[in-house]
C-alpha atoms as a PDB file:
ATOM      1  CA  UNK A   1     -15.480   7.005  -7.138  1.00  0.00           C
ATOM      2  CA  UNK A   2     -18.852   5.647  -5.831  1.00  0.00           C
ATOM      3  CA  UNK A   3     -17.236   2.923  -3.730  1.00  0.00           C
ATOM      4  CA  UNK A   4     -14.958   5.682  -2.195  1.00  0.00           C
ATOM      5  CA  UNK A   5     -17.900   7.871  -1.402  1.00  0.00           C
ATOM      6  CA  UNK A   6     -19.766   4.793   0.119  1.00  0.00           C
ATOM      7  CA  UNK A   7     -16.846   3.900   2.446  1.00  0.00           C
ATOM      8  CA  UNK A   8     -16.482   7.434   3.565  1.00  0.00           C
ATOM      9  CA  UNK A   9     -20.129   7.465   4.472  1.00  0.00           C
ATOM     10  CA  UNK A  10     -19.911   4.536   6.278  1.00  0.00           C
ATOM     11  CA  UNK A  11     -16.955   5.574   8.450  1.00  0.00           C
ATOM     12  CA  UNK A  12     -18.549   8.788   9.353  1.00  0.00           C
ATOM     13  CA  UNK A  13     -21.989   6.947  10.036  1.00  0.00           C
ATOM     14  CA  UNK A  14     -20.009   4.228  12.290  1.00  0.00           C
ATOM     15  CA  UNK A  15     -18.390   7.071  14.359  1.00  0.00           C
ATOM     16  CA  UNK A  16     -21.788   8.850  14.833  1.00  0.00           C
ATOM     17  CA  UNK A  17     -22.258   6.216  17.254  1.00  0.00           C
ATOM     18  CA  UNK A  18     -19.551   7.450  19.458  1.00  0.00           C
ATOM     19  CA  UNK A  19     -20.369   9.585  22.268  1.00  0.00           C
ATOM     20  CA  UNK A  20     -19.432  13.251  20.780  1.00  0.00           C
ATOM     21  CA  UNK A  21     -19.097  16.740  21.959  1.00  0.00           C
ATOM     22  CA  UNK A  22     -21.415  19.678  21.206  1.00  0.00           C
ATOM     23  CA  UNK A  23     -20.380  22.229  18.498  1.00  0.00           C
ATOM     24  CA  UNK A  24     -19.123  24.775  20.937  1.00  0.00           C
ATOM     25  CA  UNK A  25     -17.071  21.919  22.726  1.00  0.00           C
ATOM     26  CA  UNK A  26     -15.576  21.259  19.484  1.00  0.00           C
ATOM     27  CA  UNK A  27     -14.809  24.829  18.589  1.00  0.00           C
ATOM     28  CA  UNK A  28     -13.212  25.413  21.926  1.00  0.00           C
ATOM     29  CA  UNK A  29     -11.015  22.345  21.825  1.00  0.00           C
ATOM     30  CA  UNK A  30      -9.895  23.440  18.342  1.00  0.00           C
ATOM     31  CA  UNK A  31      -9.153  27.106  19.689  1.00  0.00           C
ATOM     32  CA  UNK A  32      -7.014  25.121  22.568  1.00  0.00           C
ATOM     33  CA  UNK A  33      -5.170  23.165  20.144  1.00  0.00           C
ATOM     34  CA  UNK A  34      -4.502  26.131  17.631  1.00  0.00           C
ATOM     35  CA  UNK A  35      -3.301  28.357  20.552  1.00  0.00           C
ATOM     36  CA  UNK A  36      -0.883  25.638  21.942  1.00  0.00           C
ATOM     37  CA  UNK A  37       0.277  24.997  18.224  1.00  0.00           C
ATOM     38  CA  UNK A  38       1.015  28.757  17.784  1.00  0.00           C
ATOM     39  CA  UNK A  39       2.917  28.619  21.101  1.00  0.00           C
ATOM     40  CA  UNK A  40       5.190  25.756  19.911  1.00  0.00           C
ATOM     41  CA  UNK A  41       5.884  27.542  16.757  1.00  0.00           C
ATOM     42  CA  UNK A  42       6.852  30.710  18.291  1.00  0.00           C
ATOM     43  CA  UNK A  43       9.326  28.995  20.767  1.00  0.00           C
ATOM     44  CA  UNK A  44      10.686  27.096  17.830  1.00  0.00           C
ATOM     45  CA  UNK A  45      11.203  30.308  15.901  1.00  0.00           C
ATOM     46  CA  UNK A  46      13.048  31.851  18.669  1.00  0.00           C
ATOM     47  CA  UNK A  47      15.301  28.817  19.054  1.00  0.00           C
ATOM     48  CA  UNK A  48      15.985  28.454  15.136  1.00  0.00           C
ATOM     49  CA  UNK A  49      16.682  32.221  15.270  1.00  0.00           C
ATOM     50  CA  UNK A  50      19.700  31.538  17.883  1.00  0.00           C
ATOM     51  CA  UNK A  51      21.313  29.519  15.322  1.00  0.00           C
ATOM     52  CA  UNK A  52      20.153  31.219  12.252  1.00  0.00           C
ATOM     53  CA  UNK A  53      23.567  31.564  10.676  1.00  0.00           C
ATOM     54  CA  UNK A  54      24.662  28.099  11.079  1.00  0.00           C
ATOM     55  CA  UNK A  55      21.134  27.049   9.609  1.00  0.00           C
ATOM     56  CA  UNK A  56      21.898  29.077   6.577  1.00  0.00           C
ATOM     57  CA  UNK A  57      25.359  27.996   6.617  1.00  0.00           C
ATOM     58  CA  UNK A  58      23.845  24.377   6.115  1.00  0.00           C
ATOM     59  CA  UNK A  59      21.697  25.636   3.381  1.00  0.00           C
ATOM     60  CA  UNK A  60      24.109  27.490   1.401  1.00  0.00           C
ATOM     61  CA  UNK A  61      26.604  24.563   1.424  1.00  0.00           C
ATOM     62  CA  UNK A  62      25.248  22.848  -1.658  1.00  0.00           C
ATOM     63  CA  UNK A  63      25.472  25.843  -3.884  1.00  0.00           C
ATOM     64  CA  UNK A  64      28.971  26.815  -2.520  1.00  0.00           C
ATOM     65  CA  UNK A  65      30.280  23.298  -3.217  1.00  0.00           C
ATOM     66  CA  UNK A  66      28.772  23.231  -6.820  1.00  0.00           C
ATOM     67  CA  UNK A  67      30.175  26.838  -7.795  1.00  0.00           C
ATOM     68  CA  UNK A  68      33.599  25.851  -6.503  1.00  0.00           C
ATOM     69  CA  UNK A  69      33.480  22.433  -8.445  1.00  0.00           C
ATOM     70  CA  UNK A  70      32.868  24.631 -11.643  1.00  0.00           C
ATOM     71  CA  UNK A  71      35.354  27.428 -10.790  1.00  0.00           C
ATOM     72  CA  UNK A  72      33.068  30.116 -10.343  1.00  0.00           C
ATOM     73  CA  UNK A  73      32.590  32.760  -7.611  1.00  0.00           C
ATOM     74  CA  UNK A  74      30.883  31.156  -4.403  1.00  0.00           C
ATOM     75  CA  UNK A  75      29.589  34.395  -2.892  1.00  0.00           C
ATOM     76  CA  UNK A  76      25.713  34.848  -3.146  1.00  0.00           C
ATOM     77  CA  UNK A  77      24.375  38.604  -3.705  1.00  0.00           C
ATOM     78  CA  UNK A  78      21.374  40.555  -2.667  1.00  0.00           C
ATOM     79  CA  UNK A  79      19.495  43.550  -4.107  1.00  0.00           C
ATOM     80  CA  UNK A  80      18.053  45.183  -1.063  1.00  0.00           C
ATOM     81  CA  UNK A  81      20.097  45.840   2.110  1.00  0.00           C
ATOM     82  CA  UNK A  82      16.899  44.295   3.876  1.00  0.00           C
ATOM     83  CA  UNK A  83      16.989  41.008   1.901  1.00  0.00           C
ATOM     84  CA  UNK A  84      19.573  39.377   4.420  1.00  0.00           C
ATOM     85  CA  UNK A  85      17.488  40.104   7.518  1.00  0.00           C
ATOM     86  CA  UNK A  86      14.061  38.813   5.709  1.00  0.00           C
ATOM     87  CA  UNK A  87      16.216  36.034   4.660  1.00  0.00           C
ATOM     88  CA  UNK A  88      17.417  35.032   8.615  1.00  0.00           C
ATOM     89  CA  UNK A  89      13.475  35.554   9.611  1.00  0.00           C
ATOM     90  CA  UNK A  90      12.206  33.275   6.815  1.00  0.00           C
ATOM     91  CA  UNK A  91      14.903  30.391   7.491  1.00  0.00           C
ATOM     92  CA  UNK A  92      13.971  31.021  11.367  1.00  0.00           C
ATOM     93  CA  UNK A  93      10.309  30.624  11.018  1.00  0.00           C
ATOM     94  CA  UNK A  94      10.536  27.392   8.684  1.00  0.00           C
ATOM     95  CA  UNK A  95      13.009  26.126  11.110  1.00  0.00           C
ATOM     96  CA  UNK A  96      10.731  26.657  14.012  1.00  0.00           C
ATOM     97  CA  UNK A  97       8.122  25.051  12.142  1.00  0.00           C
ATOM     98  CA  UNK A  98      10.145  22.056  11.791  1.00  0.00           C
ATOM     99  CA  UNK A  99      11.322  21.995  15.341  1.00  0.00           C
ATOM    100  CA  UNK A 100       7.713  22.411  16.602  1.00  0.00           C
ATOM    101  CA  UNK A 101       6.079  19.949  14.104  1.00  0.00           C
ATOM    102  CA  UNK A 102       6.154  16.870  16.549  1.00  0.00           C
ATOM    103  CA  UNK A 103       4.433  19.006  19.345  1.00  0.00           C
ATOM    104  CA  UNK A 104       1.754  20.222  16.690  1.00  0.00           C
ATOM    105  CA  UNK A 105       1.240  16.913  15.328  1.00  0.00           C
ATOM    106  CA  UNK A 106       0.391  15.927  18.842  1.00  0.00           C
ATOM    107  CA  UNK A 107      -1.811  18.570  19.341  1.00  0.00           C
ATOM    108  CA  UNK A 108      -3.629  17.361  16.078  1.00  0.00           C
ATOM    109  CA  UNK A 109      -3.803  13.842  17.329  1.00  0.00           C
ATOM    110  CA  UNK A 110      -5.606  15.245  20.705  1.00  0.00           C
ATOM    111  CA  UNK A 111      -8.049  16.903  18.553  1.00  0.00           C
ATOM    112  CA  UNK A 112      -9.130  14.005  16.348  1.00  0.00           C
ATOM    113  CA  UNK A 113      -8.392  11.191  19.112  1.00  0.00           C
ATOM    114  CA  UNK A 114     -12.076  11.664  20.744  1.00  0.00           C
ATOM    115  CA  UNK A 115     -13.817  10.439  17.541  1.00  0.00           C
ATOM    116  CA  UNK A 116     -11.525   7.326  17.416  1.00  0.00           C
ATOM    117  CA  UNK A 117     -12.078   3.906  19.159  1.00  0.00           C
ATOM    118  CA  UNK A 118      -9.865   2.836  22.096  1.00  0.00           C
ATOM    119  CA  UNK A 119      -7.948   0.311  19.959  1.00  0.00           C
ATOM    120  CA  UNK A 120      -7.364   2.896  17.181  1.00  0.00           C
ATOM    121  CA  UNK A 121      -5.929   5.314  19.660  1.00  0.00           C
ATOM    122  CA  UNK A 122      -2.728   3.115  20.115  1.00  0.00           C
ATOM    123  CA  UNK A 123      -1.514   4.123  16.865  1.00  0.00           C
ATOM    124  CA  UNK A 124      -0.498   7.458  18.135  1.00  0.00           C
ATOM    125  CA  UNK A 125       3.087   6.475  18.901  1.00  0.00           C
ATOM    126  CA  UNK A 126       3.521   4.807  15.322  1.00  0.00           C
ATOM    127  CA  UNK A 127       2.160   7.866  14.027  1.00  0.00           C
ATOM    128  CA  UNK A 128       4.166  10.600  15.609  1.00  0.00           C
ATOM    129  CA  UNK A 129       7.542   8.597  14.880  1.00  0.00           C
ATOM    130  CA  UNK A 130       6.640   7.769  11.266  1.00  0.00           C
ATOM    131  CA  UNK A 131       5.339  11.216  10.148  1.00  0.00           C
ATOM    132  CA  UNK A 132       8.563  13.077  11.705  1.00  0.00           C
ATOM    133  CA  UNK A 133      10.968  10.251  10.551  1.00  0.00           C
ATOM    134  CA  UNK A 134       9.485  10.135   6.846  1.00  0.00           C
ATOM    135  CA  UNK A 135       9.578  13.974   6.632  1.00  0.00           C
ATOM    136  CA  UNK A 136      13.215  14.112   7.572  1.00  0.00           C
ATOM    137  CA  UNK A 137      14.260  11.219   5.379  1.00  0.00           C
ATOM    138  CA  UNK A 138      12.596  12.971   2.479  1.00  0.00           C
ATOM    139  CA  UNK A 139      14.344  16.404   3.440  1.00  0.00           C
ATOM    140  CA  UNK A 140      17.779  14.364   3.765  1.00  0.00           C
ATOM    141  CA  UNK A 141      17.290  12.672   0.581  1.00  0.00           C
ATOM    142  CA  UNK A 142      16.720  16.027  -1.174  1.00  0.00           C
ATOM    143  CA  UNK A 143      19.638  17.815   0.469  1.00  0.00           C
ATOM    144  CA  UNK A 144      22.189  14.895   0.078  1.00  0.00           C
ATOM    145  CA  UNK A 145      21.562  13.615  -3.220  1.00  0.00           C
ATOM    146  CA  UNK A 146      18.852  15.302  -5.216  1.00  0.00           C
ATOM    147  CA  UNK A 147      19.609  19.005  -4.957  1.00  0.00           C
ATOM    148  CA  UNK A 148      23.333  19.048  -5.068  1.00  0.00           C
ATOM    149  CA  UNK A 149      23.101  16.782  -8.349  1.00  0.00           C
ATOM    150  CA  UNK A 150      20.546  19.302  -9.955  1.00  0.00           C
ATOM    151  CA  UNK A 151      22.827  22.274  -9.012  1.00  0.00           C
ATOM    152  CA  UNK A 152      25.848  20.678 -10.452  1.00  0.00           C
ATOM    153  CA  UNK A 153      23.585  19.652 -13.889  1.00  0.00           C
ATOM    154  CA  UNK A 154      22.587  23.317 -14.212  1.00  0.00           C
ATOM    155  CA  UNK A 155      25.753  25.118 -13.404  1.00  0.00           C
ATOM    156  CA  UNK A 156      27.488  22.636 -15.968  1.00  0.00           C
ATOM    157  CA  UNK A 157      24.911  23.178 -18.488  1.00  0.00           C
ATOM    158  CA  UNK A 158      25.263  27.037 -18.265  1.00  0.00           C
ATOM    159  CA  UNK A 159      28.947  27.416 -17.652  1.00  0.00           C
ATOM    160  CA  UNK A 160      29.542  29.856 -20.411  1.00  0.00           C
ATOM    161  CA  UNK A 161      27.455  32.501 -18.294  1.00  0.00           C
ATOM    162  CA  UNK A 162      28.912  34.135 -15.212  1.00  0.00           C
ATOM    163  CA  UNK A 163      26.046  33.275 -11.979  1.00  0.00           C
ATOM    164  CA  UNK A 164      24.829  36.178  -9.802  1.00  0.00           C
ATOM    165  CA  UNK A 165      22.788  33.934  -7.656  1.00  0.00           C
ATOM    166  CA  UNK A 166      20.484  36.098  -5.273  1.00  0.00           C
ATOM    167  CA  UNK A 167      19.979  34.824  -1.748  1.00  0.00           C
ATOM    168  CA  UNK A 168      16.284  34.725  -1.682  1.00  0.00           C
ATOM    169  CA  UNK A 169      15.979  33.096  -5.135  1.00  0.00           C
ATOM    170  CA  UNK A 170      18.246  30.585  -4.119  1.00  0.00           C
ATOM    171  CA  UNK A 171      16.482  30.221  -0.624  1.00  0.00           C
ATOM    172  CA  UNK A 172      13.098  29.808  -2.388  1.00  0.00           C
ATOM    173  CA  UNK A 173      14.359  26.933  -4.711  1.00  0.00           C
ATOM    174  CA  UNK A 174      16.183  25.283  -1.767  1.00  0.00           C
ATOM    175  CA  UNK A 175      13.245  25.180   0.148  1.00  0.00           C
ATOM    176  CA  UNK A 176      10.823  24.130  -2.572  1.00  0.00           C
ATOM    177  CA  UNK A 177      13.097  20.935  -3.173  1.00  0.00           C
ATOM    178  CA  UNK A 178      13.816  20.110   0.419  1.00  0.00           C
ATOM    179  CA  UNK A 179      10.372  20.798   1.621  1.00  0.00           C
ATOM    180  CA  UNK A 180       8.513  19.313  -1.405  1.00  0.00           C
ATOM    181  CA  UNK A 181      10.590  16.001  -0.688  1.00  0.00           C
ATOM    182  CA  UNK A 182       9.663  15.964   2.942  1.00  0.00           C
ATOM    183  CA  UNK A 183       6.100  16.285   2.500  1.00  0.00           C
ATOM    184  CA  UNK A 184       6.263  13.957  -0.630  1.00  0.00           C
ATOM    185  CA  UNK A 185       7.348  11.361   1.660  1.00  0.00           C
ATOM    186  CA  UNK A 186       4.455  11.635   3.966  1.00  0.00           C
ATOM    187  CA  UNK A 187       2.529   9.508   1.642  1.00  0.00           C
ATOM    188  CA  UNK A 188       2.392   6.270   3.457  1.00  0.00           C
ATOM    189  CA  UNK A 189       0.910   8.518   6.645  1.00  0.00           C
ATOM    190  CA  UNK A 190      -1.694   9.830   4.286  1.00  0.00           C
ATOM    191  CA  UNK A 191      -2.921   6.388   3.124  1.00  0.00           C
ATOM    192  CA  UNK A 192      -2.792   5.239   6.528  1.00  0.00           C
ATOM    193  CA  UNK A 193      -5.472   7.484   7.688  1.00  0.00           C
ATOM    194  CA  UNK A 194      -7.606   7.135   4.513  1.00  0.00           C
ATOM    195  CA  UNK A 195      -7.447   3.252   5.140  1.00  0.00           C
ATOM    196  CA  UNK A 196      -8.018   3.429   8.804  1.00  0.00           C
ATOM    197  CA  UNK A 197     -11.392   5.147   8.039  1.00  0.00           C
ATOM    198  CA  UNK A 198     -11.909   2.535   5.566  1.00  0.00           C
ATOM    199  CA  UNK A 199     -12.021   5.200   2.540  1.00  0.00           C
ATOM    200  CA  UNK A 200      -9.440   3.422   0.618  1.00  0.00           C
ATOM    201  CA  UNK A 201      -8.423  -0.365   0.667  1.00  0.00           C
ATOM    202  CA  UNK A 202      -5.017  -2.175  -0.438  1.00  0.00           C
ATOM    203  CA  UNK A 203      -7.257  -3.826  -3.168  1.00  0.00           C
ATOM    204  CA  UNK A 204      -8.256  -0.233  -4.597  1.00  0.00           C
ATOM    205  CA  UNK A 205      -4.599   1.222  -4.451  1.00  0.00           C
ATOM    206  CA  UNK A 206      -3.119  -1.833  -6.255  1.00  0.00           C
ATOM    207  CA  UNK A 207      -5.918  -1.859  -9.072  1.00  0.00           C
ATOM    208  CA  UNK A 208      -4.938   1.816  -9.680  1.00  0.00           C
ATOM    209  CA  UNK A 209      -1.206   1.430  -9.645  1.00  0.00           C
ATOM    210  CA  UNK A 210      -0.887   2.301 -13.440  1.00  0.00           C
ATOM    211  CA  UNK A 211      -2.773   5.756 -12.518  1.00  0.00           C
ATOM    212  CA  UNK A 212      -0.805   6.257  -9.501  1.00  0.00           C
ATOM    213  CA  UNK A 213       2.345   5.847 -11.394  1.00  0.00           C
ATOM    214  CA  UNK A 214       1.050   8.405 -13.942  1.00  0.00           C
ATOM    215  CA  UNK A 215       0.609  10.846 -11.303  1.00  0.00           C
ATOM    216  CA  UNK A 216       3.753  10.209  -9.638  1.00  0.00           C
ATOM    217  CA  UNK A 217       5.495  11.560 -12.664  1.00  0.00           C
ATOM    218  CA  UNK A 218       3.621  14.439 -13.167  1.00  0.00           C
ATOM    219  CA  UNK A 219       4.266  15.564  -9.770  1.00  0.00           C
ATOM    220  CA  UNK A 220       7.775  14.780 -10.096  1.00  0.00           C
ATOM    221  CA  UNK A 221       8.003  16.705 -13.211  1.00  0.00           C
ATOM    222  CA  UNK A 222       6.366  19.585 -11.489  1.00  0.00           C
ATOM    223  CA  UNK A 223       8.526  19.807  -8.338  1.00  0.00           C
ATOM    224  CA  UNK A 224      11.721  18.902 -10.113  1.00  0.00           C
ATOM    225  CA  UNK A 225      14.189  21.878 -10.461  1.00  0.00           C
ATOM    226  CA  UNK A 226      15.752  20.713 -13.775  1.00  0.00           C
ATOM    227  CA  UNK A 227      14.107  20.065 -17.104  1.00  0.00           C
ATOM    228  CA  UNK A 228      16.095  16.669 -17.754  1.00  0.00           C
ATOM    229  CA  UNK A 229      14.217  13.110 -17.623  1.00  0.00           C
ATOM    230  CA  UNK A 230      16.935  11.633 -15.062  1.00  0.00           C
ATOM    231  CA  UNK A 231      16.370  14.153 -12.314  1.00  0.00           C
ATOM    232  CA  UNK A 232      12.504  13.690 -12.852  1.00  0.00           C
ATOM    233  CA  UNK A 233      13.027   9.765 -12.460  1.00  0.00           C
ATOM    234  CA  UNK A 234      15.127  10.630  -9.314  1.00  0.00           C
ATOM    235  CA  UNK A 235      12.086  12.368  -7.823  1.00  0.00           C
ATOM    236  CA  UNK A 236       9.846   9.758  -9.089  1.00  0.00           C
ATOM    237  CA  UNK A 237      11.685   6.446  -8.125  1.00  0.00           C
ATOM    238  CA  UNK A 238      11.136   7.054  -4.054  1.00  0.00           C
ATOM    239  CA  UNK A 239       7.410   8.080  -4.635  1.00  0.00           C
ATOM    240  CA  UNK A 240       6.636   5.031  -6.173  1.00  0.00           C
ATOM    241  CA  UNK A 241       8.549   2.920  -3.590  1.00  0.00           C
ATOM    242  CA  UNK A 242       6.445   4.822  -0.854  1.00  0.00           C
ATOM    243  CA  UNK A 243       3.291   4.252  -2.692  1.00  0.00           C
ATOM    244  CA  UNK A 244       3.923   0.608  -2.756  1.00  0.00           C
ATOM    245  CA  UNK A 245       4.967   0.820   0.768  1.00  0.00           C
ATOM    246  CA  UNK A 246       1.518   2.747   1.397  1.00  0.00           C
ATOM    247  CA  UNK A 247      -0.301  -0.393   0.008  1.00  0.00           C
ATOM    248  CA  UNK A 248       1.344  -2.416   2.545  1.00  0.00           C
ATOM    249  CA  UNK A 249       0.316  -0.112   5.228  1.00  0.00           C
ATOM    250  CA  UNK A 250      -3.162   0.062   3.985  1.00  0.00           C
ATOM    251  CA  UNK A 251      -3.340  -3.806   4.145  1.00  0.00           C
ATOM    252  CA  UNK A 252      -2.406  -3.727   7.770  1.00  0.00           C
ATOM    253  CA  UNK A 253      -4.706  -0.891   9.098  1.00  0.00           C
ATOM    254  CA  UNK A 254      -7.626  -1.594   6.796  1.00  0.00           C
ATOM    255  CA  UNK A 255     -10.958  -2.097   8.951  1.00  0.00           C
ATOM    256  CA  UNK A 256     -11.503  -5.408   6.980  1.00  0.00           C
ATOM    257  CA  UNK A 257      -8.166  -6.694   8.187  1.00  0.00           C
ATOM    258  CA  UNK A 258      -8.772  -5.760  11.925  1.00  0.00           C
ATOM    259  CA  UNK A 259     -12.145  -7.237  11.698  1.00  0.00           C
ATOM    260  CA  UNK A 260     -10.753 -10.502  10.435  1.00  0.00           C
ATOM    261  CA  UNK A 261      -8.219 -10.676  13.343  1.00  0.00           C
ATOM    262  CA  UNK A 262     -10.831  -9.954  15.898  1.00  0.00           C
ATOM    263  CA  UNK A 263     -13.159 -12.732  14.365  1.00  0.00           C
ATOM    264  CA  UNK A 264     -10.212 -15.197  14.360  1.00  0.00           C
ATOM    265  CA  UNK A 265      -9.124 -14.265  18.087  1.00  0.00           C
END
């Protein structure tokens, strides 16, 4: 822990030598980026709302197929007349956030880029592509394999009962699994930033691999929608692979490697 704190202090002190802005300039810049991000999200919301029925059709497809496979009624239910309207607003907002995420991430990069060296700013394109790509990969992994498999297990386990699946509860479960896996797949991006600023190193990540495995399985046990060990392993396996990939990413962007390459050149 002391080693991590020392690295963080060294990274902060190193960037303190860069020409900076005053506090008010930082606040104005932050306000500008937040306003732009909100505008992008609002635009994304209206675009997603124009296709809200199609979006929910894709979201409802896993439960519909699972119910049909077990010879159960496929129509979901609601308890309040306003539930359907609120549901469409919720999925339109989430869809708008996903559509606007590349533009919001670019605003984040514009805010932090003045504190980076010129050679560090070249990471903006890989950062944008990797962040969006990893999130979509995690969401697709959950939508294509994890969520349908979990629904099939749960419905098969309780086939002696008649299901009355409420639309809001199903949507919350869907978003928890899909967004949870999408965010989990961002682990290499987090490690890249920590390594870029010298806070963690590939040696540190490899040395603490056993603790990382324990934490990964704890997180998998929390976010998995079913209590069986098999589903937990399905969640944990890609997370473990991403951690190993993160070690390679850390090795590539760590300041010690960049310094060694500069000295060799």
